[in-house]
């Protein structure tokens, strides 16, 4: 849904800023700006404001809640990051973070990011929230696929079960998908989140 407001201002930029303030919106919510009446000024005197029609997309209430809670956590952590919603549906939001503190929020192998996502999901009701940092998760997924192939080859050459480090459900799913392509291998998870981990081992011959 979107709302249309009429704003009197001397410039388009001024009109947009006034509209954002009135609607309590962000710049990325502006859909369209139309100048209905041109502003006039003669040698800097006799100024007459123009009339601008501005269409602003309303944020869903759930999206607003996600952004609010995420901002609160980031402020508490003292991190300088911006955020944007990449995807949104009735029960799912994909939030992207970006800024000078990217490395801090990601953490070692994405551990801080996973913790941030886990905490955010625990604070938001009836929504599944996924958080990414400028495409980090796809890079991480490729790293995990390489790891899964490497550990699978190792398991095939060994009679011992191989235990991987604890991972969140999404990362374990990537490992399982790769290992399941090897007919002679079994893969399963043990432990409880957030310390649940994957075990890879040869199938019993019989």
N, C-alpha and C. Protein backbone atom coordinates (compact mmCIF):
# COMPACT_ATOMS: atom_id res chain seq x y z
N UNK A 1 0.84 -1.19 0.00
CA UNK A 1 0.00 0.00 0.00
C UNK A 1 0.88 1.25 0.00
N UNK A 2 0.32 2.35 -0.51
CA UNK A 2 1.07 3.61 -0.53
C UNK A 2 0.11 4.76 -0.26
N UNK A 3 0.67 5.88 0.18
CA UNK A 3 -0.13 7.06 0.42
C UNK A 3 0.42 8.20 -0.41
N UNK A 4 -0.46 9.13 -0.81
CA UNK A 4 -0.06 10.27 -1.62
C UNK A 4 -0.29 11.55 -0.81
N UNK A 5 0.75 12.37 -0.70
CA UNK A 5 0.63 13.64 0.03
C UNK A 5 1.00 14.79 -0.88
N UNK A 6 0.34 15.93 -0.68
CA UNK A 6 0.65 17.14 -1.44
C UNK A 6 1.45 18.08 -0.54
N UNK A 7 2.59 18.51 -1.03
CA UNK A 7 3.51 19.33 -0.25
C UNK A 7 3.85 20.62 -0.99
N UNK A 8 3.77 21.75 -0.28
CA UNK A 8 4.21 23.02 -0.85
C UNK A 8 5.68 23.24 -0.50
N UNK A 9 6.50 23.53 -1.50
CA UNK A 9 7.93 23.74 -1.27
C UNK A 9 8.54 24.46 -2.46
N UNK A 10 9.72 25.01 -2.27
CA UNK A 10 10.41 25.70 -3.36
C UNK A 10 11.12 24.71 -4.28
N UNK A 11 11.57 23.57 -3.72
CA UNK A 11 12.30 22.59 -4.52
C UNK A 11 11.75 21.18 -4.29
N UNK A 12 12.08 20.30 -5.22
CA UNK A 12 11.68 18.90 -5.12
C UNK A 12 12.28 18.25 -3.88
N UNK A 13 13.57 18.52 -3.62
CA UNK A 13 14.26 17.92 -2.48
C UNK A 13 13.62 18.35 -1.16
N UNK A 14 13.27 19.64 -1.09
CA UNK A 14 12.62 20.17 0.11
C UNK A 14 11.27 19.52 0.33
N UNK A 15 10.53 19.32 -0.76
CA UNK A 15 9.20 18.69 -0.69
C UNK A 15 9.31 17.25 -0.19
N UNK A 16 10.31 16.53 -0.69
CA UNK A 16 10.51 15.14 -0.28
C UNK A 16 10.81 15.06 1.21
N UNK A 17 11.71 15.93 1.69
CA UNK A 17 12.07 15.91 3.10
C UNK A 17 10.87 16.22 4.00
N UNK A 18 10.04 17.17 3.57
CA UNK A 18 8.83 17.48 4.34
C UNK A 18 7.86 16.30 4.37
N UNK A 19 7.72 15.64 3.21
CA UNK A 19 6.81 14.49 3.12
C UNK A 19 7.28 13.34 4.01
N UNK A 20 8.59 13.10 4.01
CA UNK A 20 9.15 12.03 4.83
C UNK A 20 8.91 12.28 6.31
N UNK A 21 9.04 13.56 6.69
CA UNK A 21 8.83 13.92 8.09
C UNK A 21 7.37 13.74 8.49
N UNK A 22 6.46 14.18 7.63
CA UNK A 22 5.03 14.07 7.90
C UNK A 22 4.60 12.60 8.00
N UNK A 23 5.11 11.78 7.07
CA UNK A 23 4.70 10.37 6.99
C UNK A 23 5.57 9.45 7.86
N UNK A 24 6.59 10.04 8.51
CA UNK A 24 7.53 9.26 9.31
C UNK A 24 8.08 8.10 8.48
N UNK A 25 8.56 8.45 7.30
CA UNK A 25 9.05 7.44 6.35
C UNK A 25 10.53 7.66 6.06
N UNK A 26 11.10 6.72 5.30
CA UNK A 26 12.50 6.80 4.88
C UNK A 26 12.56 7.07 3.38
N UNK A 27 13.70 7.59 2.92
CA UNK A 27 13.84 8.01 1.52
C UNK A 27 13.55 6.88 0.54
N UNK A 28 13.90 5.62 0.92
CA UNK A 28 13.68 4.50 0.01
C UNK A 28 12.21 4.15 -0.16
N UNK A 29 11.33 4.75 0.66
CA UNK A 29 9.90 4.49 0.53
C UNK A 29 9.22 5.42 -0.49
N UNK A 30 9.97 6.41 -0.98
CA UNK A 30 9.40 7.33 -1.97
C UNK A 30 9.26 6.61 -3.31
N UNK A 31 8.04 6.55 -3.81
CA UNK A 31 7.75 5.85 -5.07
C UNK A 31 7.78 6.81 -6.25
N UNK A 32 7.14 7.98 -6.11
CA UNK A 32 7.02 8.92 -7.24
C UNK A 32 6.86 10.34 -6.72
N UNK A 33 7.46 11.29 -7.45
CA UNK A 33 7.33 12.71 -7.12
C UNK A 33 6.87 13.44 -8.38
N UNK A 34 5.76 14.16 -8.28
CA UNK A 34 5.23 14.89 -9.43
C UNK A 34 5.04 16.36 -9.07
N UNK A 35 5.59 17.23 -9.90
CA UNK A 35 5.47 18.67 -9.66
C UNK A 35 4.17 19.16 -10.31
N UNK A 36 3.17 19.50 -9.47
CA UNK A 36 1.87 19.92 -9.97
C UNK A 36 1.86 21.41 -10.34
N UNK A 37 2.50 22.24 -9.50
CA UNK A 37 2.60 23.67 -9.76
C UNK A 37 4.05 24.08 -9.54
N UNK A 38 4.65 24.73 -10.52
CA UNK A 38 6.05 25.13 -10.41
C UNK A 38 6.25 26.27 -9.41
N UNK A 39 7.35 26.19 -8.68
CA UNK A 39 7.68 27.28 -7.75
C UNK A 39 8.21 28.47 -8.55
N UNK A 40 8.05 29.66 -7.99
CA UNK A 40 8.48 30.87 -8.71
C UNK A 40 9.33 31.75 -7.80
N UNK A 41 10.32 32.40 -8.41
CA UNK A 41 11.17 33.32 -7.66
C UNK A 41 11.72 34.35 -8.64
N UNK A 42 11.64 35.63 -8.24
CA UNK A 42 12.15 36.70 -9.11
C UNK A 42 13.32 37.39 -8.40
N UNK A 43 14.55 37.14 -8.92
CA UNK A 43 15.77 37.72 -8.36
C UNK A 43 15.88 37.49 -6.85
N UNK A 44 15.40 36.32 -6.44
CA UNK A 44 15.51 35.99 -5.02
C UNK A 44 14.38 36.56 -4.18
N UNK A 45 13.50 37.35 -4.79
CA UNK A 45 12.38 37.96 -4.06
C UNK A 45 11.06 37.41 -4.61
N UNK A 46 9.99 37.78 -3.97
CA UNK A 46 8.65 37.37 -4.41
C UNK A 46 8.58 35.86 -4.65
N UNK A 47 9.10 35.11 -3.68
CA UNK A 47 9.10 33.64 -3.83
C UNK A 47 7.70 33.07 -3.65
N UNK A 48 7.39 32.12 -4.51
CA UNK A 48 6.11 31.42 -4.39
C UNK A 48 6.37 29.92 -4.48
N UNK A 49 5.96 29.21 -3.43
CA UNK A 49 6.23 27.77 -3.37
C UNK A 49 5.43 27.02 -4.43
N UNK A 50 6.05 25.95 -4.92
CA UNK A 50 5.36 25.08 -5.85
C UNK A 50 4.58 24.02 -5.11
N UNK A 51 3.83 23.22 -5.84
CA UNK A 51 3.04 22.15 -5.23
C UNK A 51 3.52 20.81 -5.78
N UNK A 52 3.92 19.93 -4.88
CA UNK A 52 4.45 18.62 -5.27
C UNK A 52 3.55 17.51 -4.73
N UNK A 53 3.29 16.53 -5.57
CA UNK A 53 2.52 15.36 -5.17
C UNK A 53 3.50 14.21 -4.99
N UNK A 54 3.56 13.67 -3.80
CA UNK A 54 4.57 12.65 -3.47
C UNK A 54 3.88 11.36 -3.01
N UNK A 55 4.23 10.28 -3.68
CA UNK A 55 3.68 8.97 -3.32
C UNK A 55 4.71 8.21 -2.47
N UNK A 56 4.27 7.77 -1.30
CA UNK A 56 5.16 7.07 -0.37
C UNK A 56 4.60 5.70 -0.05
N UNK A 57 5.44 4.69 -0.24
CA UNK A 57 5.04 3.32 0.06
C UNK A 57 5.08 3.09 1.56
N UNK A 58 3.98 2.59 2.08
CA UNK A 58 3.91 2.34 3.52
C UNK A 58 4.66 1.07 3.88
N UNK A 59 5.42 1.14 4.95
CA UNK A 59 6.09 -0.05 5.45
C UNK A 59 5.06 -0.93 6.14
N UNK A 60 5.18 -2.22 5.92
CA UNK A 60 4.30 -3.13 6.64
C UNK A 60 4.64 -3.04 8.13
N UNK A 61 3.64 -3.26 8.94
CA UNK A 61 3.84 -3.16 10.38
C UNK A 61 4.91 -4.14 10.85
N UNK A 62 4.90 -5.35 10.28
CA UNK A 62 5.90 -6.36 10.67
C UNK A 62 7.30 -5.91 10.27
N UNK A 63 7.42 -5.32 9.07
CA UNK A 63 8.72 -4.83 8.62
C UNK A 63 9.24 -3.77 9.57
N UNK A 64 8.35 -2.87 9.98
CA UNK A 64 8.73 -1.80 10.89
C UNK A 64 9.23 -2.36 12.21
N UNK A 65 8.58 -3.40 12.69
CA UNK A 65 8.98 -4.03 13.95
C UNK A 65 10.37 -4.66 13.82
N UNK A 66 10.61 -5.32 12.69
CA UNK A 66 11.91 -5.95 12.46
C UNK A 66 13.01 -4.89 12.43
N UNK A 67 12.79 -3.83 11.67
CA UNK A 67 13.79 -2.75 11.56
C UNK A 67 14.03 -2.10 12.91
N UNK A 68 12.96 -1.86 13.67
CA UNK A 68 13.08 -1.22 14.98
C UNK A 68 13.92 -2.07 15.93
N UNK A 69 13.60 -3.37 16.01
CA UNK A 69 14.33 -4.26 16.92
C UNK A 69 15.79 -4.42 16.48
N UNK A 70 16.01 -4.52 15.17
CA UNK A 70 17.37 -4.67 14.66
C UNK A 70 18.19 -3.43 15.01
N UNK A 71 17.58 -2.27 14.85
CA UNK A 71 18.27 -1.01 15.16
C UNK A 71 18.62 -0.91 16.63
N UNK A 72 17.70 -1.36 17.47
CA UNK A 72 17.94 -1.33 18.92
C UNK A 72 19.14 -2.20 19.29
N UNK A 73 19.23 -3.38 18.68
CA UNK A 73 20.35 -4.28 18.97
C UNK A 73 21.66 -3.67 18.49
N UNK A 74 21.65 -3.11 17.27
CA UNK A 74 22.86 -2.51 16.71
C UNK A 74 23.31 -1.32 17.55
N UNK A 75 22.35 -0.52 18.02
CA UNK A 75 22.69 0.63 18.87
C UNK A 75 23.32 0.15 20.18
N UNK A 76 22.76 -0.92 20.73
CA UNK A 76 23.29 -1.48 21.98
C UNK A 76 24.72 -1.99 21.77
N UNK A 77 24.97 -2.57 20.59
CA UNK A 77 26.30 -3.09 20.26
C UNK A 77 27.27 -1.97 19.87
N UNK A 78 26.72 -0.78 19.63
CA UNK A 78 27.55 0.36 19.26
C UNK A 78 28.10 0.27 17.85
N UNK A 79 27.34 -0.36 16.93
CA UNK A 79 27.81 -0.55 15.56
C UNK A 79 27.20 0.47 14.61
N UNK A 80 28.01 0.93 13.68
CA UNK A 80 27.57 1.90 12.67
C UNK A 80 27.21 1.15 11.39
N UNK A 81 25.93 0.81 11.25
CA UNK A 81 25.46 0.04 10.10
C UNK A 81 24.11 0.57 9.62
N UNK A 82 23.91 0.50 8.32
CA UNK A 82 22.62 0.84 7.72
C UNK A 82 21.89 -0.48 7.43
N UNK A 83 20.59 -0.37 7.18
CA UNK A 83 19.84 -1.59 6.87
C UNK A 83 18.80 -1.34 5.79
N UNK A 84 18.49 -2.39 5.07
CA UNK A 84 17.46 -2.33 4.03
C UNK A 84 16.77 -3.68 3.96
N UNK A 85 15.49 -3.66 3.59
CA UNK A 85 14.73 -4.91 3.45
C UNK A 85 14.80 -5.35 1.99
N UNK A 86 15.39 -6.53 1.75
CA UNK A 86 15.54 -7.05 0.39
C UNK A 86 14.31 -7.84 -0.06
N UNK A 87 13.72 -8.59 0.87
CA UNK A 87 12.52 -9.38 0.56
C UNK A 87 11.57 -9.32 1.74
N UNK A 88 10.29 -9.39 1.46
CA UNK A 88 9.31 -9.35 2.53
C UNK A 88 8.02 -10.04 2.10
N UNK A 89 7.48 -10.85 3.00
CA UNK A 89 6.18 -11.48 2.78
C UNK A 89 5.45 -11.46 4.12
N UNK A 90 4.32 -12.12 4.20
CA UNK A 90 3.53 -12.08 5.43
C UNK A 90 4.28 -12.58 6.66
N UNK A 91 5.14 -13.59 6.47
CA UNK A 91 5.82 -14.17 7.63
C UNK A 91 7.33 -14.28 7.44
N UNK A 92 7.89 -13.53 6.51
CA UNK A 92 9.33 -13.60 6.27
C UNK A 92 9.90 -12.24 5.86
N UNK A 93 11.05 -11.93 6.42
CA UNK A 93 11.76 -10.69 6.05
C UNK A 93 13.24 -11.01 5.88
N UNK A 94 13.81 -10.57 4.74
CA UNK A 94 15.25 -10.68 4.51
C UNK A 94 15.83 -9.29 4.68
N UNK A 95 16.67 -9.14 5.71
CA UNK A 95 17.25 -7.85 6.05
C UNK A 95 18.72 -7.83 5.68
N UNK A 96 19.13 -6.78 4.98
CA UNK A 96 20.54 -6.63 4.61
C UNK A 96 21.16 -5.50 5.41
N UNK A 97 22.34 -5.76 6.00
CA UNK A 97 23.08 -4.74 6.74
C UNK A 97 24.29 -4.33 5.92
N UNK A 98 24.67 -3.05 6.00
CA UNK A 98 25.86 -2.60 5.29
C UNK A 98 26.42 -1.35 5.97
N UNK A 99 27.73 -1.20 5.86
CA UNK A 99 28.36 -0.04 6.48
C UNK A 99 29.77 -0.35 6.95
N UNK A 100 30.36 0.59 7.67
CA UNK A 100 31.76 0.47 8.04
C UNK A 100 32.04 -0.64 9.06
N UNK A 101 31.02 -1.10 9.77
CA UNK A 101 31.23 -2.16 10.77
C UNK A 101 30.79 -3.54 10.27
N UNK A 102 30.82 -3.73 8.95
CA UNK A 102 30.46 -5.03 8.36
C UNK A 102 31.21 -6.18 9.01
N UNK A 103 32.53 -6.04 9.11
CA UNK A 103 33.37 -7.11 9.63
C UNK A 103 33.03 -7.49 11.05
N UNK A 104 32.66 -6.50 11.86
CA UNK A 104 32.33 -6.75 13.27
C UNK A 104 31.03 -7.54 13.38
N UNK A 105 30.00 -7.14 12.63
CA UNK A 105 28.71 -7.83 12.74
C UNK A 105 28.78 -9.24 12.16
N UNK A 106 29.65 -9.45 11.17
CA UNK A 106 29.80 -10.80 10.61
C UNK A 106 30.51 -11.71 11.62
N UNK A 107 31.63 -11.23 12.16
CA UNK A 107 32.38 -12.04 13.12
C UNK A 107 33.12 -13.18 12.45
N UNK A 108 33.78 -14.01 13.25
CA UNK A 108 34.54 -15.13 12.73
C UNK A 108 33.62 -16.19 12.14
N UNK A 109 33.78 -16.42 10.84
CA UNK A 109 32.97 -17.41 10.10
C UNK A 109 31.47 -17.15 10.23
N UNK A 110 31.11 -15.89 10.45
CA UNK A 110 29.70 -15.53 10.51
C UNK A 110 29.03 -15.79 11.85
N UNK A 111 29.83 -16.06 12.90
CA UNK A 111 29.24 -16.41 14.20
C UNK A 111 28.47 -15.26 14.82
N UNK A 112 29.02 -14.05 14.74
CA UNK A 112 28.33 -12.90 15.33
C UNK A 112 27.04 -12.62 14.57
N UNK A 113 27.09 -12.74 13.25
CA UNK A 113 25.90 -12.54 12.42
C UNK A 113 24.82 -13.56 12.77
N UNK A 114 25.20 -14.80 12.96
CA UNK A 114 24.24 -15.84 13.33
C UNK A 114 23.60 -15.54 14.68
N UNK A 115 24.42 -15.06 15.63
CA UNK A 115 23.90 -14.73 16.95
C UNK A 115 22.94 -13.54 16.87
N UNK A 116 23.30 -12.56 16.04
CA UNK A 116 22.44 -11.39 15.84
C UNK A 116 21.09 -11.81 15.27
N UNK A 117 21.14 -12.68 14.26
CA UNK A 117 19.92 -13.17 13.62
C UNK A 117 19.07 -13.97 14.61
N UNK A 118 19.72 -14.79 15.41
CA UNK A 118 19.01 -15.62 16.41
C UNK A 118 18.30 -14.73 17.43
N UNK A 119 19.02 -13.70 17.91
CA UNK A 119 18.45 -12.78 18.90
C UNK A 119 17.29 -12.00 18.31
N UNK A 120 17.46 -11.51 17.08
CA UNK A 120 16.41 -10.73 16.42
C UNK A 120 15.14 -11.57 16.25
N UNK A 121 15.30 -12.83 15.86
CA UNK A 121 14.14 -13.72 15.69
C UNK A 121 13.42 -13.96 17.01
N UNK A 122 14.18 -13.98 18.10
CA UNK A 122 13.57 -14.22 19.41
C UNK A 122 12.77 -13.01 19.90
N UNK A 123 13.07 -11.82 19.32
CA UNK A 123 12.39 -10.59 19.74
C UNK A 123 11.20 -10.23 18.86
N UNK A 124 11.15 -10.81 17.66
CA UNK A 124 10.07 -10.49 16.71
C UNK A 124 9.06 -11.63 16.67
N UNK A 125 7.80 -11.30 16.86
CA UNK A 125 6.75 -12.33 16.91
C UNK A 125 6.20 -12.66 15.53
N UNK A 126 5.90 -13.94 15.33
CA UNK A 126 5.22 -14.41 14.12
C UNK A 126 5.93 -14.08 12.81
N UNK A 127 7.24 -13.92 12.87
CA UNK A 127 8.02 -13.61 11.67
C UNK A 127 9.32 -14.39 11.69
N UNK A 128 9.74 -14.86 10.50
CA UNK A 128 11.07 -15.44 10.37
C UNK A 128 11.94 -14.39 9.71
N UNK A 129 13.02 -14.03 10.38
CA UNK A 129 13.90 -12.98 9.88
C UNK A 129 15.26 -13.59 9.51
N UNK A 130 15.69 -13.31 8.29
CA UNK A 130 17.04 -13.71 7.86
C UNK A 130 17.84 -12.44 7.65
N UNK A 131 19.07 -12.45 8.16
CA UNK A 131 19.91 -11.26 8.07
C UNK A 131 21.17 -11.57 7.27
N UNK A 132 21.47 -10.73 6.29
CA UNK A 132 22.68 -10.88 5.49
C UNK A 132 23.49 -9.59 5.57
N UNK A 133 24.75 -9.68 5.20
CA UNK A 133 25.62 -8.50 5.17
C UNK A 133 26.29 -8.44 3.81
N UNK A 134 25.69 -7.70 2.89
CA UNK A 134 26.23 -7.49 1.55
C UNK A 134 26.70 -8.78 0.86
N UNK A 135 25.80 -9.78 0.83
CA UNK A 135 26.09 -11.02 0.11
C UNK A 135 27.01 -11.98 0.83
N UNK A 136 27.28 -11.74 2.11
CA UNK A 136 28.19 -12.62 2.86
C UNK A 136 27.70 -14.07 2.87
N UNK A 137 26.39 -14.26 3.03
CA UNK A 137 25.87 -15.62 3.20
C UNK A 137 26.08 -16.49 1.97
N UNK A 138 26.00 -15.90 0.78
CA UNK A 138 26.24 -16.69 -0.44
C UNK A 138 27.70 -17.10 -0.51
N UNK A 139 28.59 -16.19 -0.12
CA UNK A 139 30.02 -16.53 -0.08
C UNK A 139 30.27 -17.62 0.95
N UNK A 140 29.61 -17.49 2.09
CA UNK A 140 29.74 -18.50 3.15
C UNK A 140 29.19 -19.84 2.68
N UNK A 141 28.08 -19.82 1.94
CA UNK A 141 27.48 -21.05 1.42
C UNK A 141 28.45 -21.77 0.49
N UNK A 142 29.13 -21.02 -0.36
CA UNK A 142 30.12 -21.63 -1.27
C UNK A 142 31.27 -22.25 -0.50
N UNK A 143 31.69 -21.57 0.57
CA UNK A 143 32.76 -22.10 1.42
C UNK A 143 32.32 -23.40 2.08
N UNK A 144 31.05 -23.44 2.54
CA UNK A 144 30.52 -24.64 3.20
C UNK A 144 30.39 -25.80 2.21
N UNK A 145 30.02 -25.50 0.97
CA UNK A 145 29.92 -26.57 -0.04
C UNK A 145 31.29 -27.18 -0.30
N UNK A 146 32.31 -26.33 -0.37
CA UNK A 146 33.68 -26.83 -0.55
C UNK A 146 34.11 -27.67 0.64
N UNK A 147 33.75 -27.21 1.85
CA UNK A 147 34.07 -27.95 3.07
C UNK A 147 33.39 -29.31 3.07
N UNK A 148 32.11 -29.33 2.68
CA UNK A 148 31.34 -30.57 2.66
C UNK A 148 31.96 -31.59 1.71
N UNK A 149 32.38 -31.13 0.53
CA UNK A 149 33.02 -32.04 -0.44
C UNK A 149 34.35 -32.56 0.08
N UNK A 150 35.13 -31.68 0.69
CA UNK A 150 36.43 -32.06 1.23
C UNK A 150 36.28 -33.08 2.36
N UNK A 151 35.34 -32.84 3.27
CA UNK A 151 35.11 -33.75 4.40
C UNK A 151 34.49 -35.07 3.94
N UNK A 152 33.70 -35.02 2.89
CA UNK A 152 33.11 -36.25 2.35
C UNK A 152 34.19 -37.15 1.77
N UNK A 153 35.12 -36.56 1.03
CA UNK A 153 36.24 -37.33 0.47
C UNK A 153 37.10 -37.92 1.60
N UNK A 154 37.27 -37.14 2.64
CA UNK A 154 38.05 -37.60 3.79
C UNK A 154 37.35 -38.76 4.48
N UNK A 155 36.02 -38.67 4.61
CA UNK A 155 35.25 -39.73 5.26
C UNK A 155 35.29 -41.02 4.46
N UNK A 156 35.30 -40.90 3.13
CA UNK A 156 35.35 -42.09 2.28
C UNK A 156 36.67 -42.84 2.44
N UNK A 157 37.74 -42.11 2.74
CA UNK A 157 39.06 -42.72 2.89
C UNK A 157 39.33 -43.18 4.32
N UNK A 158 38.43 -42.84 5.22
CA UNK A 158 38.64 -43.15 6.64
C UNK A 158 37.51 -44.01 7.18
N UNK A 159 37.82 -44.80 8.18
CA UNK A 159 36.79 -45.61 8.84
C UNK A 159 36.22 -44.89 10.05
N UNK A 160 36.69 -43.69 10.29
CA UNK A 160 36.23 -42.93 11.46
C UNK A 160 35.18 -41.89 11.05
N UNK A 161 34.27 -41.64 11.99
CA UNK A 161 33.26 -40.60 11.77
C UNK A 161 33.92 -39.23 11.89
N UNK A 162 33.50 -38.31 11.05
CA UNK A 162 34.05 -36.96 11.08
C UNK A 162 33.00 -36.00 11.64
N UNK A 163 33.41 -35.28 12.67
CA UNK A 163 32.50 -34.34 13.32
C UNK A 163 32.88 -32.90 12.95
N UNK A 164 31.92 -32.16 12.43
CA UNK A 164 32.18 -30.77 12.05
C UNK A 164 31.87 -29.82 13.22
N UNK A 165 32.31 -28.60 13.09
CA UNK A 165 32.03 -27.59 14.12
C UNK A 165 30.54 -27.27 14.16
N UNK A 166 30.04 -26.80 15.31
CA UNK A 166 28.62 -26.42 15.41
C UNK A 166 28.25 -25.37 14.37
N UNK A 167 27.04 -25.51 13.83
CA UNK A 167 26.54 -24.57 12.81
C UNK A 167 25.05 -24.34 13.02
N UNK A 168 24.55 -23.20 12.56
CA UNK A 168 23.11 -22.96 12.62
C UNK A 168 22.39 -23.85 11.60
N UNK A 169 21.07 -24.04 11.74
CA UNK A 169 20.30 -24.92 10.85
C UNK A 169 20.51 -24.67 9.36
N UNK A 170 20.54 -23.40 8.95
CA UNK A 170 20.69 -23.08 7.53
C UNK A 170 22.01 -23.60 6.97
N UNK A 171 23.08 -23.50 7.75
CA UNK A 171 24.40 -23.96 7.28
C UNK A 171 24.48 -25.48 7.30
N UNK A 172 23.84 -26.11 8.29
CA UNK A 172 23.84 -27.58 8.34
C UNK A 172 23.10 -28.15 7.13
N UNK A 173 22.05 -27.46 6.71
CA UNK A 173 21.27 -27.90 5.55
C UNK A 173 22.15 -27.95 4.30
N UNK A 174 23.02 -26.95 4.13
CA UNK A 174 23.92 -26.91 2.97
C UNK A 174 24.87 -28.11 2.99
N UNK A 175 25.41 -28.42 4.17
CA UNK A 175 26.32 -29.57 4.31
C UNK A 175 25.59 -30.86 3.98
N UNK A 176 24.40 -31.04 4.57
CA UNK A 176 23.61 -32.26 4.33
C UNK A 176 23.34 -32.46 2.83
N UNK A 177 22.99 -31.39 2.14
CA UNK A 177 22.65 -31.49 0.71
C UNK A 177 23.84 -32.00 -0.11
N UNK A 178 25.03 -31.55 0.23
CA UNK A 178 26.22 -31.99 -0.51
C UNK A 178 26.58 -33.43 -0.16
N UNK A 179 26.61 -33.73 1.14
CA UNK A 179 27.02 -35.08 1.58
C UNK A 179 26.04 -36.14 1.08
N UNK A 180 24.76 -35.80 1.00
CA UNK A 180 23.75 -36.77 0.57
C UNK A 180 23.92 -37.20 -0.89
N UNK A 181 24.76 -36.49 -1.63
CA UNK A 181 25.05 -36.87 -3.01
C UNK A 181 26.03 -38.04 -3.09
N UNK A 182 26.67 -38.34 -1.96
CA UNK A 182 27.61 -39.47 -1.89
C UNK A 182 26.86 -40.71 -1.39
N UNK A 183 26.69 -41.69 -2.25
CA UNK A 183 25.89 -42.87 -1.91
C UNK A 183 26.45 -43.66 -0.74
N UNK A 184 27.75 -43.62 -0.54
CA UNK A 184 28.37 -44.43 0.50
C UNK A 184 28.49 -43.72 1.84
N UNK A 185 27.92 -42.54 1.95
CA UNK A 185 28.05 -41.77 3.19
C UNK A 185 26.71 -41.51 3.87
N UNK A 186 26.77 -41.44 5.19
CA UNK A 186 25.63 -41.05 6.01
C UNK A 186 25.96 -39.71 6.66
N UNK A 187 24.95 -38.90 6.87
CA UNK A 187 25.16 -37.64 7.58
C UNK A 187 23.98 -37.39 8.51
N UNK A 188 24.27 -36.92 9.71
CA UNK A 188 23.22 -36.62 10.68
C UNK A 188 23.72 -35.55 11.65
N UNK A 189 22.79 -34.95 12.36
CA UNK A 189 23.14 -33.90 13.32
C UNK A 189 23.01 -34.42 14.74
N UNK A 190 23.87 -33.91 15.62
CA UNK A 190 23.83 -34.25 17.04
C UNK A 190 23.96 -32.98 17.88
N UNK A 191 23.52 -33.09 19.13
CA UNK A 191 23.60 -31.94 20.02
C UNK A 191 22.39 -31.04 19.89
N UNK A 192 22.39 -29.96 20.65
CA UNK A 192 21.27 -29.02 20.65
C UNK A 192 21.75 -27.64 20.23
N UNK A 193 20.89 -26.92 19.50
CA UNK A 193 21.24 -25.56 19.09
C UNK A 193 21.51 -24.69 20.32
N UNK A 194 22.47 -23.78 20.28
CA UNK A 194 23.27 -23.41 19.10
C UNK A 194 24.56 -24.23 18.91
N UNK A 195 24.67 -25.35 19.66
CA UNK A 195 25.90 -26.16 19.56
C UNK A 195 25.67 -27.46 18.78
N UNK A 196 24.60 -27.50 18.00
CA UNK A 196 24.30 -28.69 17.20
C UNK A 196 25.30 -28.80 16.03
N UNK A 197 25.80 -29.99 15.80
CA UNK A 197 26.84 -30.19 14.79
C UNK A 197 26.51 -31.39 13.90
N UNK A 198 27.25 -31.50 12.80
CA UNK A 198 27.03 -32.56 11.81
C UNK A 198 28.10 -33.63 11.94
N UNK A 199 27.67 -34.87 11.76
CA UNK A 199 28.59 -36.02 11.73
C UNK A 199 28.51 -36.66 10.34
N UNK A 200 29.65 -36.93 9.75
CA UNK A 200 29.73 -37.61 8.44
C UNK A 200 30.47 -38.92 8.63
N UNK A 201 29.87 -40.00 8.14
CA UNK A 201 30.59 -41.29 8.25
C UNK A 201 30.15 -42.24 7.12
N UNK A 202 30.96 -43.25 6.94
CA UNK A 202 30.65 -44.26 5.92
C UNK A 202 29.43 -45.07 6.32
N UNK A 203 28.63 -45.47 5.33
CA UNK A 203 27.51 -46.38 5.59
C UNK A 203 28.04 -47.76 5.91
N UNK A 204 27.34 -48.48 6.77
CA UNK A 204 27.75 -49.84 7.09
C UNK A 204 27.51 -50.75 5.91
N UNK A 205 28.49 -51.57 5.64
CA UNK A 205 28.35 -52.53 4.54
C UNK A 205 27.68 -53.78 5.08
N UNK A 206 26.65 -54.23 4.39
CA UNK A 206 25.97 -55.42 4.90
C UNK A 206 24.94 -55.92 3.93
